């Protein structure tokens, strides 16, 4: 894989030089990646991007050409540049595996490393997490809305660049899509490649019938006609049926399907089904596309549209939503002890959870539904028989649970700079994602007003957070310069 170490923000390097000048390059620190709100105003997100994070870390190296570029900027001292020449990632990373449902404010990835290594990798870790999680989440939302209807990912041409398109196809498949139109993604990740035909081929031919006929002769075993170029009901479907009768059936081939990409999809699909059935093509499938998302898909299903498959592009590969993952310092090591750190803000949601932490998920033993998560300090032991979840913002809200199984969500990814986690293949991750999604209650999955999933803090962590908020404000407020004090 290409070395992308220099895909970092400039201030990471200027801060790194400051740490180096202070002689702190060996100081061990802890950073968490987390996000503050579920995308799409939904009830969940799905972890993605870990595989690319692993590739990035394994290829982390600052090369001679990078040093020369930095030298020419005139901002960095020579001893610091010499230090960077030999820099490798030597720390630890713990993360929640791709395909796992994740929720706001819980650490989905934790880095323990020296401060310069930890800072320099921030930008790429966040870029990979935010993109991978967004695409996996939107794909899961769309395929969930589609119920049992297969969804094909058609978004390559809408993506934000070639690399983005390839990765979007992969994460869309993990998130539940049945395949992709993106050939290089299919080849690279062993994803089924799917597709029909474009309007341009029909416009190029002398007639719609001739376009369909030539396509049928070249692709007799994969014949799905795009029927909305001129007039779906008066031209497209009749010509598709005529080609099926004139060429496909007489030569022993099936009339596989049609695709409708514009117009009133609910009405047209019903009429298309009626026409196809009337001429004996009851097995011929109907694919609908045209900017579909979970809202329009649900509406089509509610209208009892005739849909055998869905093509979805823009709203998977180029979603306008964001995950908003952040990377925050939560602890440092000093004299062999882990010292928790906190960022405090006037905006409550931006006040982070301090310390080196772990996340545990409770599952109902009878149903296997996830009951909630608890964030604990790393040295805490969570009981396995009975536990009371306490809302971190409204402590009077408590829920006591019993008869559960307990699972620590994060797993070791790197130890002392060496990868210890084997990345499953894409199909295995897709299966894992499907099984994990089944553990969420339907009320959490619904689009409108989803139930809020419990993500609580242990009592010990909650008390530490309150203590640090108070002490931090007292330590860092310079009353001499605060107006009115």
Protein backbone atom coordinates (compact mmCIF):
# COMPACT_ATOMS: atom_id res chain seq x y z
CA UNK A 1 0.00 0.00 0.00
CA UNK A 2 1.13 3.56 -0.70
CA UNK A 3 2.92 5.34 2.16
CA UNK A 4 0.53 8.10 3.26
CA UNK A 5 2.34 9.18 6.41
CA UNK A 6 2.42 12.81 5.29
CA UNK A 7 -1.38 12.90 5.10
CA UNK A 8 -1.36 14.88 8.33
CA UNK A 9 -2.34 18.41 9.28
CA UNK A 10 0.50 20.94 9.40
CA UNK A 11 -0.13 21.76 13.05
CA UNK A 12 0.57 18.16 13.98
CA UNK A 13 4.16 18.74 12.86
CA UNK A 14 4.55 22.14 14.52
CA UNK A 15 3.23 20.68 17.78
CA UNK A 16 5.52 17.67 17.35
CA UNK A 17 8.52 19.99 17.08
CA UNK A 18 7.42 21.73 20.27
CA UNK A 19 7.22 18.40 22.13
CA UNK A 20 10.65 17.50 20.76
CA UNK A 21 12.16 20.81 21.87
CA UNK A 22 10.78 20.19 25.36
CA UNK A 23 12.40 16.75 25.41
CA UNK A 24 8.99 15.04 25.67
CA UNK A 25 9.23 12.79 22.64
CA UNK A 26 9.13 9.67 24.81
CA UNK A 27 6.15 10.75 26.90
CA UNK A 28 3.34 8.20 26.65
CA UNK A 29 -0.15 9.58 25.99
CA UNK A 30 -3.64 8.18 25.37
CA UNK A 31 -6.01 9.46 22.68
CA UNK A 32 -9.60 8.36 22.01
CA UNK A 33 -11.57 8.53 18.77
CA UNK A 34 -15.29 9.00 19.32
CA UNK A 35 -18.22 10.89 17.80
CA UNK A 36 -20.82 13.05 19.51
CA UNK A 37 -24.06 12.50 17.60
CA UNK A 38 -25.46 9.69 15.49
CA UNK A 39 -25.47 10.57 11.77
CA UNK A 40 -28.82 11.00 9.99
CA UNK A 41 -30.48 11.84 13.36
CA UNK A 42 -30.55 8.10 13.77
CA UNK A 43 -30.26 5.69 16.64
CA UNK A 44 -26.89 4.14 15.76
CA UNK A 45 -23.76 4.17 13.61
CA UNK A 46 -21.75 1.24 12.24
CA UNK A 47 -17.99 1.09 12.74
CA UNK A 48 -15.93 1.35 9.57
CA UNK A 49 -12.45 2.31 8.42
CA UNK A 50 -10.36 0.16 10.74
CA UNK A 51 -8.83 -1.86 7.92
CA UNK A 52 -7.51 1.28 6.25
CA UNK A 53 -6.22 2.57 9.59
CA UNK A 54 -4.25 -0.68 9.96
CA UNK A 55 -2.77 -0.30 6.46
CA UNK A 56 -1.82 3.31 7.24
CA UNK A 57 -0.05 2.39 10.48
CA UNK A 58 1.80 -0.53 8.87
CA UNK A 59 3.15 1.85 6.22
CA UNK A 60 3.95 4.71 8.60
CA UNK A 61 7.39 6.03 7.67
CA UNK A 62 8.75 9.48 6.94
CA UNK A 63 10.94 9.17 3.85
CA UNK A 64 13.86 11.26 2.60
CA UNK A 65 11.69 13.13 0.10
CA UNK A 66 9.31 14.05 2.94
CA UNK A 67 12.20 15.35 5.05
CA UNK A 68 13.46 17.43 2.14
CA UNK A 69 10.01 18.94 1.62
CA UNK A 70 9.73 19.82 5.31
CA UNK A 71 13.23 21.28 5.30
CA UNK A 72 12.35 23.54 2.38
CA UNK A 73 9.37 24.93 4.29
CA UNK A 74 11.88 26.64 6.58
CA UNK A 75 9.77 25.95 9.68
CA UNK A 76 11.55 23.01 11.27
CA UNK A 77 14.86 22.59 13.06
CA UNK A 78 17.45 20.15 11.76
CA UNK A 79 17.61 18.03 14.91
CA UNK A 80 13.84 17.55 14.75
CA UNK A 81 14.04 16.54 11.08
CA UNK A 82 16.76 14.02 11.92
CA UNK A 83 14.46 12.60 14.61
CA UNK A 84 11.64 12.22 12.08
CA UNK A 85 13.89 10.23 9.72
CA UNK A 86 13.88 7.26 12.06
CA UNK A 87 10.31 7.58 13.30
CA UNK A 88 8.10 4.49 13.26
CA UNK A 89 4.86 3.78 15.07
CA UNK A 90 5.78 1.87 18.23
CA UNK A 91 2.59 2.25 20.24
CA UNK A 92 -0.61 0.33 21.00
CA UNK A 93 -4.01 0.65 19.35
CA UNK A 94 -7.28 -0.83 20.60
CA UNK A 95 -10.44 -0.57 18.50
CA UNK A 96 -13.96 -1.82 17.98
CA UNK A 97 -14.01 -4.04 14.85
CA UNK A 98 -15.60 -2.87 11.60
CA UNK A 99 -19.27 -3.76 11.30
CA UNK A 100 -20.08 -3.28 14.99
CA UNK A 101 -22.92 -0.90 15.98
CA UNK A 102 -21.38 2.07 17.81
CA UNK A 103 -22.86 5.01 19.69
CA UNK A 104 -22.01 8.59 20.67
CA UNK A 105 -19.26 9.45 23.14
CA UNK A 106 -17.87 5.96 23.57
CA UNK A 107 -14.23 5.39 22.55
CA UNK A 108 -14.24 3.38 19.32
CA UNK A 109 -10.47 3.51 19.00
CA UNK A 110 -7.77 4.24 21.59
CA UNK A 111 -4.13 5.04 20.88
CA UNK A 112 -1.37 4.62 23.47
CA UNK A 113 1.91 5.90 22.07
CA UNK A 114 4.58 8.52 22.52
CA UNK A 115 3.16 11.98 22.06
CA UNK A 116 4.75 12.71 18.66
CA UNK A 117 3.62 9.43 17.09
CA UNK A 118 0.14 9.89 18.54
CA UNK A 119 -0.18 13.41 17.13
CA UNK A 120 1.16 12.69 13.66
CA UNK A 121 -1.31 9.86 12.99
CA UNK A 122 -4.41 11.82 14.09
CA UNK A 123 -5.46 13.22 10.72
CA UNK A 124 -5.32 9.96 8.78
CA UNK A 125 -6.99 7.97 11.56
CA UNK A 126 -9.90 10.39 11.60
CA UNK A 127 -10.19 10.54 7.80
CA UNK A 128 -10.37 6.76 7.58
CA UNK A 129 -12.78 6.41 10.50
CA UNK A 130 -15.13 9.17 9.36
CA UNK A 131 -15.40 7.95 5.78
CA UNK A 132 -15.57 4.23 6.57
CA UNK A 133 -18.16 4.70 9.30
CA UNK A 134 -20.30 7.07 7.23
CA UNK A 135 -20.55 4.74 4.22
CA UNK A 136 -21.08 1.60 6.30
CA UNK A 137 -23.77 3.36 8.33
CA UNK A 138 -25.68 4.82 5.39
CA UNK A 139 -25.54 1.48 3.58
CA UNK A 140 -26.94 -0.30 6.61
CA UNK A 141 -29.71 2.29 6.93
CA UNK A 142 -30.62 1.96 3.24
CA UNK A 143 -30.52 -1.84 3.17
CA UNK A 144 -32.52 -1.95 6.41
CA UNK A 145 -35.17 0.30 4.86
CA UNK A 146 -35.24 -1.97 1.79
CA UNK A 147 -36.11 -4.93 4.02
CA UNK A 148 -35.53 -8.08 1.92
CA UNK A 149 -35.01 -6.27 -1.38
CA UNK A 150 -31.39 -6.49 -2.62
CA UNK A 151 -29.61 -3.13 -2.93
CA UNK A 152 -26.86 -2.67 -5.52
CA UNK A 153 -24.28 0.09 -4.94
CA UNK A 154 -23.97 2.26 -8.06
CA UNK A 155 -22.09 5.23 -6.59
CA UNK A 156 -18.61 5.14 -8.13
CA UNK A 157 -19.16 8.08 -10.47
CA UNK A 158 -20.67 10.18 -7.66
CA UNK A 159 -17.87 9.59 -5.16
CA UNK A 160 -15.29 12.16 -4.15
CA UNK A 161 -12.41 10.76 -6.17
CA UNK A 162 -11.22 7.33 -7.28
CA UNK A 163 -9.88 6.12 -3.93
CA UNK A 164 -13.05 7.27 -2.21
CA UNK A 165 -15.17 5.40 -4.76
CA UNK A 166 -13.27 2.14 -4.26
CA UNK A 167 -13.49 2.33 -0.49
CA UNK A 168 -17.16 3.34 -0.62
CA UNK A 169 -17.95 0.21 -2.64
CA UNK A 170 -16.21 -1.94 -0.04
CA UNK A 171 -17.95 -0.37 2.96
CA UNK A 172 -21.30 -0.39 1.17
CA UNK A 173 -20.94 -4.14 0.74
CA UNK A 174 -20.00 -4.61 4.40
CA UNK A 175 -23.01 -2.47 5.31
CA UNK A 176 -25.42 -4.75 3.48
CA UNK A 177 -25.39 -4.05 -0.27
CA UNK A 178 -25.47 -7.17 -2.42
CA UNK A 179 -22.84 -5.97 -4.87
CA UNK A 180 -21.32 -3.02 -6.72
CA UNK A 181 -21.06 -1.57 -10.21
CA UNK A 182 -17.42 -0.68 -9.43
CA UNK A 183 -15.26 -3.23 -11.24
CA UNK A 184 -11.96 -2.42 -9.53
CA UNK A 185 -13.62 -2.74 -6.10
CA UNK A 186 -15.09 -6.07 -7.18
CA UNK A 187 -11.70 -7.27 -8.32
CA UNK A 188 -9.81 -5.97 -5.28
CA UNK A 189 -12.22 -7.14 -2.58
CA UNK A 190 -14.04 -10.06 -4.25
CA UNK A 191 -17.37 -8.22 -4.24
CA UNK A 192 -20.06 -9.27 -6.75
CA UNK A 193 -20.14 -6.85 -9.70
CA UNK A 194 -23.55 -5.92 -11.05
CA UNK A 195 -25.11 -3.52 -13.51
CA UNK A 196 -27.45 -2.95 -16.43
CA UNK A 197 -26.93 -0.45 -19.26
CA UNK A 198 -26.85 3.34 -19.76
CA UNK A 199 -29.18 5.72 -21.58
CA UNK A 200 -26.30 6.70 -23.88
CA UNK A 201 -26.32 3.32 -25.62
CA UNK A 202 -30.01 3.66 -26.39
CA UNK A 203 -29.64 7.24 -27.63
CA UNK A 204 -26.71 6.17 -29.81
CA UNK A 205 -28.71 3.49 -31.66
CA UNK A 206 -31.12 4.08 -34.53
CA UNK A 207 -34.00 2.96 -32.29
CA UNK A 208 -34.65 1.72 -28.81
CA UNK A 209 -35.51 -1.70 -30.19
CA UNK A 210 -32.15 -1.90 -32.02
CA UNK A 211 -30.29 -0.86 -28.87
CA UNK A 212 -32.01 -3.57 -26.82
CA UNK A 213 -31.49 -6.19 -29.51
CA UNK A 214 -27.76 -5.54 -29.91
CA UNK A 215 -27.33 -5.56 -26.13
CA UNK A 216 -29.22 -8.85 -25.89
CA UNK A 217 -27.03 -10.44 -28.53
CA UNK A 218 -23.87 -9.38 -26.68
CA UNK A 219 -25.16 -10.10 -23.16
CA UNK A 220 -27.82 -12.81 -23.50
CA UNK A 221 -27.31 -14.20 -20.00
CA UNK A 222 -27.36 -10.83 -18.23
CA UNK A 223 -30.04 -8.92 -20.05
CA UNK A 224 -31.52 -6.10 -17.95
CA UNK A 225 -32.93 -3.35 -20.15
CA UNK A 226 -33.06 0.30 -19.11
CA UNK A 227 -36.59 1.21 -20.21
CA UNK A 228 -37.09 4.89 -19.35
CA UNK A 229 -34.99 6.64 -22.04
CA UNK A 230 -38.00 7.79 -24.07
CA UNK A 231 -41.27 6.52 -22.59
CA UNK A 232 -41.27 3.70 -20.06
CA UNK A 233 -44.75 2.32 -20.70
CA UNK A 234 -45.28 3.12 -24.40
CA UNK A 235 -41.79 2.47 -25.66
CA UNK A 236 -39.32 1.00 -23.20
CA UNK A 237 -41.22 -1.98 -21.84
CA UNK A 238 -42.89 -2.88 -25.19
CA UNK A 239 -39.50 -2.87 -26.94
CA UNK A 240 -37.92 -4.94 -24.17
CA UNK A 241 -40.73 -7.49 -24.46
CA UNK A 242 -40.39 -7.58 -28.26
CA UNK A 243 -36.64 -8.29 -28.01
CA UNK A 244 -37.34 -11.02 -25.48
CA UNK A 245 -39.86 -12.63 -27.84
CA UNK A 246 -37.82 -12.07 -31.01
CA UNK A 247 -34.39 -13.10 -29.74
CA UNK A 248 -33.96 -14.16 -26.12
CA UNK A 249 -36.66 -16.81 -25.77
CA UNK A 250 -36.22 -18.40 -29.23
CA UNK A 251 -32.50 -18.81 -28.50
CA UNK A 252 -33.02 -20.38 -25.10
CA UNK A 253 -32.26 -17.35 -22.92
CA UNK A 254 -34.25 -15.75 -20.12
CA UNK A 255 -35.60 -12.21 -20.11
CA UNK A 256 -33.79 -11.30 -16.90
CA UNK A 257 -35.12 -7.85 -16.04
CA UNK A 258 -35.76 -4.17 -16.60
CA UNK A 259 -34.57 -1.04 -14.80
CA UNK A 260 -36.57 2.16 -14.34
CA UNK A 261 -34.49 5.24 -13.52
CA UNK A 262 -36.92 8.15 -13.68
CA UNK A 263 -40.56 9.16 -13.30
CA UNK A 264 -43.13 8.02 -10.78
CA UNK A 265 -41.35 4.85 -9.74
CA UNK A 266 -44.24 3.47 -7.69
CA UNK A 267 -46.78 3.83 -10.51
CA UNK A 268 -44.40 2.77 -13.26
CA UNK A 269 -43.24 -0.32 -11.38
CA UNK A 270 -46.83 -1.50 -10.90
CA UNK A 271 -47.66 -0.94 -14.54
CA UNK A 272 -44.44 -2.61 -15.61
CA UNK A 273 -45.28 -5.66 -13.51
CA UNK A 274 -48.76 -5.82 -15.01
CA UNK A 275 -47.40 -5.63 -18.57
CA UNK A 276 -44.66 -8.17 -18.01
CA UNK A 277 -47.06 -10.63 -16.36
CA UNK A 278 -49.58 -10.13 -19.14
CA UNK A 279 -47.02 -11.26 -21.74
CA UNK A 280 -45.91 -14.22 -19.67
CA UNK A 281 -42.75 -12.78 -18.11
CA UNK A 282 -43.69 -13.29 -14.48
CA UNK A 283 -40.07 -14.08 -13.53
CA UNK A 284 -38.64 -10.96 -15.16
CA UNK A 285 -37.39 -8.66 -12.40
CA UNK A 286 -37.84 -4.92 -11.91
CA UNK A 287 -34.97 -2.77 -10.65
CA UNK A 288 -35.63 0.80 -9.49
CA UNK A 289 -33.00 3.54 -9.23
CA UNK A 290 -32.76 7.36 -9.38
CA UNK A 291 -31.33 9.02 -6.27
CA UNK A 292 -33.00 6.63 -3.84
CA UNK A 293 -32.39 6.86 -0.10
CA UNK A 294 -33.99 5.23 2.92
CA UNK A 295 -36.92 7.69 2.90
CA UNK A 296 -37.84 7.16 -0.74
CA UNK A 297 -37.30 3.41 -0.47
CA UNK A 298 -39.64 3.18 2.51
CA UNK A 299 -42.20 5.27 0.63
CA UNK A 300 -42.00 2.96 -2.40
CA UNK A 301 -42.51 -0.08 -0.19
CA UNK A 302 -45.43 1.57 1.61
CA UNK A 303 -47.02 2.25 -1.79
CA UNK A 304 -46.70 -1.47 -2.58
CA UNK A 305 -44.39 -0.81 -5.52
CA UNK A 306 -43.22 -3.80 -7.50
CA UNK A 307 -39.50 -3.97 -6.71
CA UNK A 308 -37.13 -6.87 -7.09
CA UNK A 309 -33.92 -4.90 -6.64
CA UNK A 310 -32.70 -1.36 -6.01
CA UNK A 311 -29.78 0.58 -7.47
CA UNK A 312 -28.41 3.22 -5.11
CA UNK A 313 -25.53 5.58 -5.86
CA UNK A 314 -25.37 9.20 -4.74
CA UNK A 315 -26.73 8.63 -1.26
CA UNK A 316 -24.15 5.94 -0.48
CA UNK A 317 -20.93 7.09 -2.12
CA UNK A 318 -21.53 10.84 -1.81
CA UNK A 319 -23.75 11.24 1.22
CA UNK A 320 -24.12 14.81 2.46
CA UNK A 321 -24.20 13.62 6.07
CA UNK A 322 -21.14 13.45 8.35
CA UNK A 323 -20.02 11.35 11.31
CA UNK A 324 -17.93 14.01 13.02
CA UNK A 325 -15.40 11.73 14.67
CA UNK A 326 -12.87 13.50 16.91
CA UNK A 327 -9.52 12.56 18.45
CA UNK A 328 -8.96 13.75 22.00
CA UNK A 329 -6.20 13.41 24.59
CA UNK A 330 -7.64 11.54 27.59
CA UNK A 331 -4.58 10.57 29.65
CA UNK A 332 -0.79 10.72 30.00
CA UNK A 333 1.68 8.48 31.78
CA UNK A 334 3.84 9.99 34.50
CA UNK A 335 6.09 8.15 36.95
CA UNK A 336 4.48 4.86 35.99
CA UNK A 337 0.95 6.11 36.60
CA UNK A 338 -1.88 6.92 34.19
CA UNK A 339 -2.96 10.53 34.77
CA UNK A 340 -6.45 11.28 33.34
CA UNK A 341 -6.93 14.45 31.29
CA UNK A 342 -10.08 16.28 30.31
CA UNK A 343 -11.17 18.90 27.77
CA UNK A 344 -13.86 21.13 29.27
CA UNK A 345 -16.24 23.25 27.21
CA UNK A 346 -19.16 25.55 27.81
CA UNK A 347 -20.92 23.27 25.35
CA UNK A 348 -21.72 20.22 27.52
CA UNK A 349 -21.50 17.75 24.64
CA UNK A 350 -17.89 18.83 24.00
CA UNK A 351 -16.71 18.02 27.52
CA UNK A 352 -14.99 14.69 27.04
CA UNK A 353 -14.86 11.56 29.18
CA UNK A 354 -11.36 11.43 30.75
CA UNK A 355 -8.95 8.60 31.37
CA UNK A 356 -7.90 5.33 29.80
CA UNK A 357 -11.20 3.51 29.32
CA UNK A 358 -12.91 0.39 28.06
CA UNK A 359 -16.42 -0.11 26.65
CA UNK A 360 -18.63 -3.05 27.61
CA UNK A 361 -21.91 -4.12 26.01
CA UNK A 362 -24.69 -5.93 27.84
CA UNK A 363 -26.75 -8.50 25.90
CA UNK A 364 -30.01 -10.03 27.07
CA UNK A 365 -29.39 -13.77 27.56
CA UNK A 366 -32.87 -14.69 26.30
CA UNK A 367 -33.12 -12.52 23.20
CA UNK A 368 -29.48 -11.53 22.51
CA UNK A 369 -30.65 -7.92 22.08
CA UNK A 370 -28.12 -5.31 23.21
CA UNK A 371 -29.33 -3.70 26.44
CA UNK A 372 -26.81 -0.89 26.64
CA UNK A 373 -23.13 0.02 26.90
CA UNK A 374 -21.08 1.20 29.83
CA UNK A 375 -17.81 3.11 29.64
CA UNK A 376 -15.46 2.14 32.45
CA UNK A 377 -11.96 3.04 33.54
CA UNK A 378 -9.46 0.44 32.37
CA UNK A 379 -8.90 -1.06 35.82
CA UNK A 380 -12.59 -1.48 36.68
CA UNK A 381 -14.30 -4.86 36.82
CA UNK A 382 -17.93 -4.95 35.64
CA UNK A 383 -20.12 -7.48 37.52
CA UNK A 384 -21.61 -10.26 35.42
CA UNK A 385 -24.82 -10.84 37.42
CA UNK A 386 -26.47 -7.47 38.02
CA UNK A 387 -25.69 -3.90 37.01
CA UNK A 388 -27.31 -0.46 37.25
CA UNK A 389 -26.84 1.83 34.25
CA UNK A 390 -26.71 5.50 35.24
CA UNK A 391 -27.35 8.29 32.73
CA UNK A 392 -24.24 10.54 32.82
CA UNK A 393 -26.21 13.76 32.28
CA UNK A 394 -29.30 12.97 34.37
CA UNK A 395 -28.11 10.77 37.21
CA UNK A 396 -31.61 10.17 38.54
CA UNK A 397 -32.26 8.10 35.43
CA UNK A 398 -31.19 4.55 36.32
CA UNK A 399 -31.87 1.14 34.80
CA UNK A 400 -30.97 -2.07 36.61
CA UNK A 401 -30.36 -5.07 34.38
CA UNK A 402 -29.89 -8.77 35.12
CA UNK A 403 -29.59 -12.04 33.23
CA UNK A 404 -27.15 -10.65 30.68
CA UNK A 405 -23.92 -11.57 28.96
CA UNK A 406 -21.10 -9.03 28.95
CA UNK A 407 -18.68 -8.27 26.13
CA UNK A 408 -15.72 -5.90 25.98
CA UNK A 409 -16.02 -4.23 22.58
CA UNK A 410 -12.47 -3.08 21.83
CA UNK A 411 -9.79 -5.57 20.85
CA UNK A 412 -6.01 -5.14 20.55
CA UNK A 413 -4.98 -4.05 17.06
CA UNK A 414 -1.32 -3.08 17.55
CA UNK A 415 1.02 -3.88 20.46
CA UNK A 416 4.37 -2.07 20.56
CA UNK A 417 3.89 -1.13 16.91
CA UNK A 418 3.24 -4.69 15.73
CA UNK A 419 -0.13 -5.68 14.26
CA UNK A 420 -1.77 -8.37 16.41
CA UNK A 421 -5.25 -8.28 14.86
CA UNK A 422 -6.00 -10.25 11.71
CA UNK A 423 -8.38 -8.33 9.46
CA UNK A 424 -11.21 -10.63 8.28
CA UNK A 425 -11.98 -10.69 4.57
CA UNK A 426 -14.74 -8.45 3.28
CA UNK A 427 -17.38 -11.18 3.11
CA UNK A 428 -16.69 -12.17 6.73
CA UNK A 429 -17.04 -8.55 7.80
CA UNK A 430 -20.33 -8.29 5.93
CA UNK A 431 -21.65 -11.40 7.72
CA UNK A 432 -20.41 -10.07 11.07
CA UNK A 433 -22.10 -6.71 10.45
CA UNK A 434 -25.38 -8.46 9.61
CA UNK A 435 -25.29 -10.52 12.81
CA UNK A 436 -24.33 -7.56 14.98
CA UNK A 437 -27.14 -5.45 13.53
CA UNK A 438 -29.63 -8.10 14.59
CA UNK A 439 -28.72 -7.39 18.23
CA UNK A 440 -30.27 -3.90 18.05
CA UNK A 441 -33.88 -3.47 19.10
CA UNK A 442 -36.19 -2.38 16.22
CA UNK A 443 -36.93 0.83 18.11
CA UNK A 444 -33.27 1.83 17.78
CA UNK A 445 -33.19 1.06 14.05
CA UNK A 446 -36.28 3.01 13.06
CA UNK A 447 -35.82 6.19 11.02
CA UNK A 448 -38.30 8.45 12.80
CA UNK A 449 -37.65 9.27 16.47
CA UNK A 450 -35.43 6.28 17.20
CA UNK A 451 -35.12 5.10 20.78
CA UNK A 452 -31.96 6.38 22.47
CA UNK A 453 -29.54 3.55 23.18
CA UNK A 454 -28.03 3.57 26.67
CA UNK A 455 -24.36 4.64 26.77
CA UNK A 456 -23.56 5.28 30.40
CA UNK A 457 -20.53 5.82 32.60
CA UNK A 458 -19.56 3.80 35.64
CA UNK A 459 -20.00 5.62 38.91
CA UNK A 460 -16.22 5.78 39.33
CA UNK A 461 -15.73 7.37 35.90
CA UNK A 462 -18.61 9.79 36.42
CA UNK A 463 -17.14 10.97 39.74
CA UNK A 464 -13.70 11.35 38.16
CA UNK A 465 -15.18 13.44 35.35
CA UNK A 466 -16.94 15.79 37.77
CA UNK A 467 -13.81 16.10 39.90
CA UNK A 468 -11.63 16.94 36.91
CA UNK A 469 -14.12 19.49 35.54
CA UNK A 470 -14.03 21.36 38.84
CA UNK A 471 -10.27 21.18 39.36
CA UNK A 472 -9.47 22.09 35.74
CA UNK A 473 -11.60 25.21 35.84
CA UNK A 474 -10.01 26.31 39.11
CA UNK A 475 -6.47 25.69 37.86
CA UNK A 476 -6.77 27.37 34.47
CA UNK A 477 -8.95 30.41 35.10
CA UNK A 478 -6.81 33.55 35.35
CA UNK A 479 -9.11 35.76 37.37
CA UNK A 480 -6.92 38.81 36.77
CA UNK A 481 -8.06 38.87 33.15
CA UNK A 482 -11.65 37.72 33.54
CA UNK A 483 -14.01 40.68 33.27
CA UNK A 484 -16.22 41.18 36.31
CA UNK A 485 -14.21 38.93 38.63
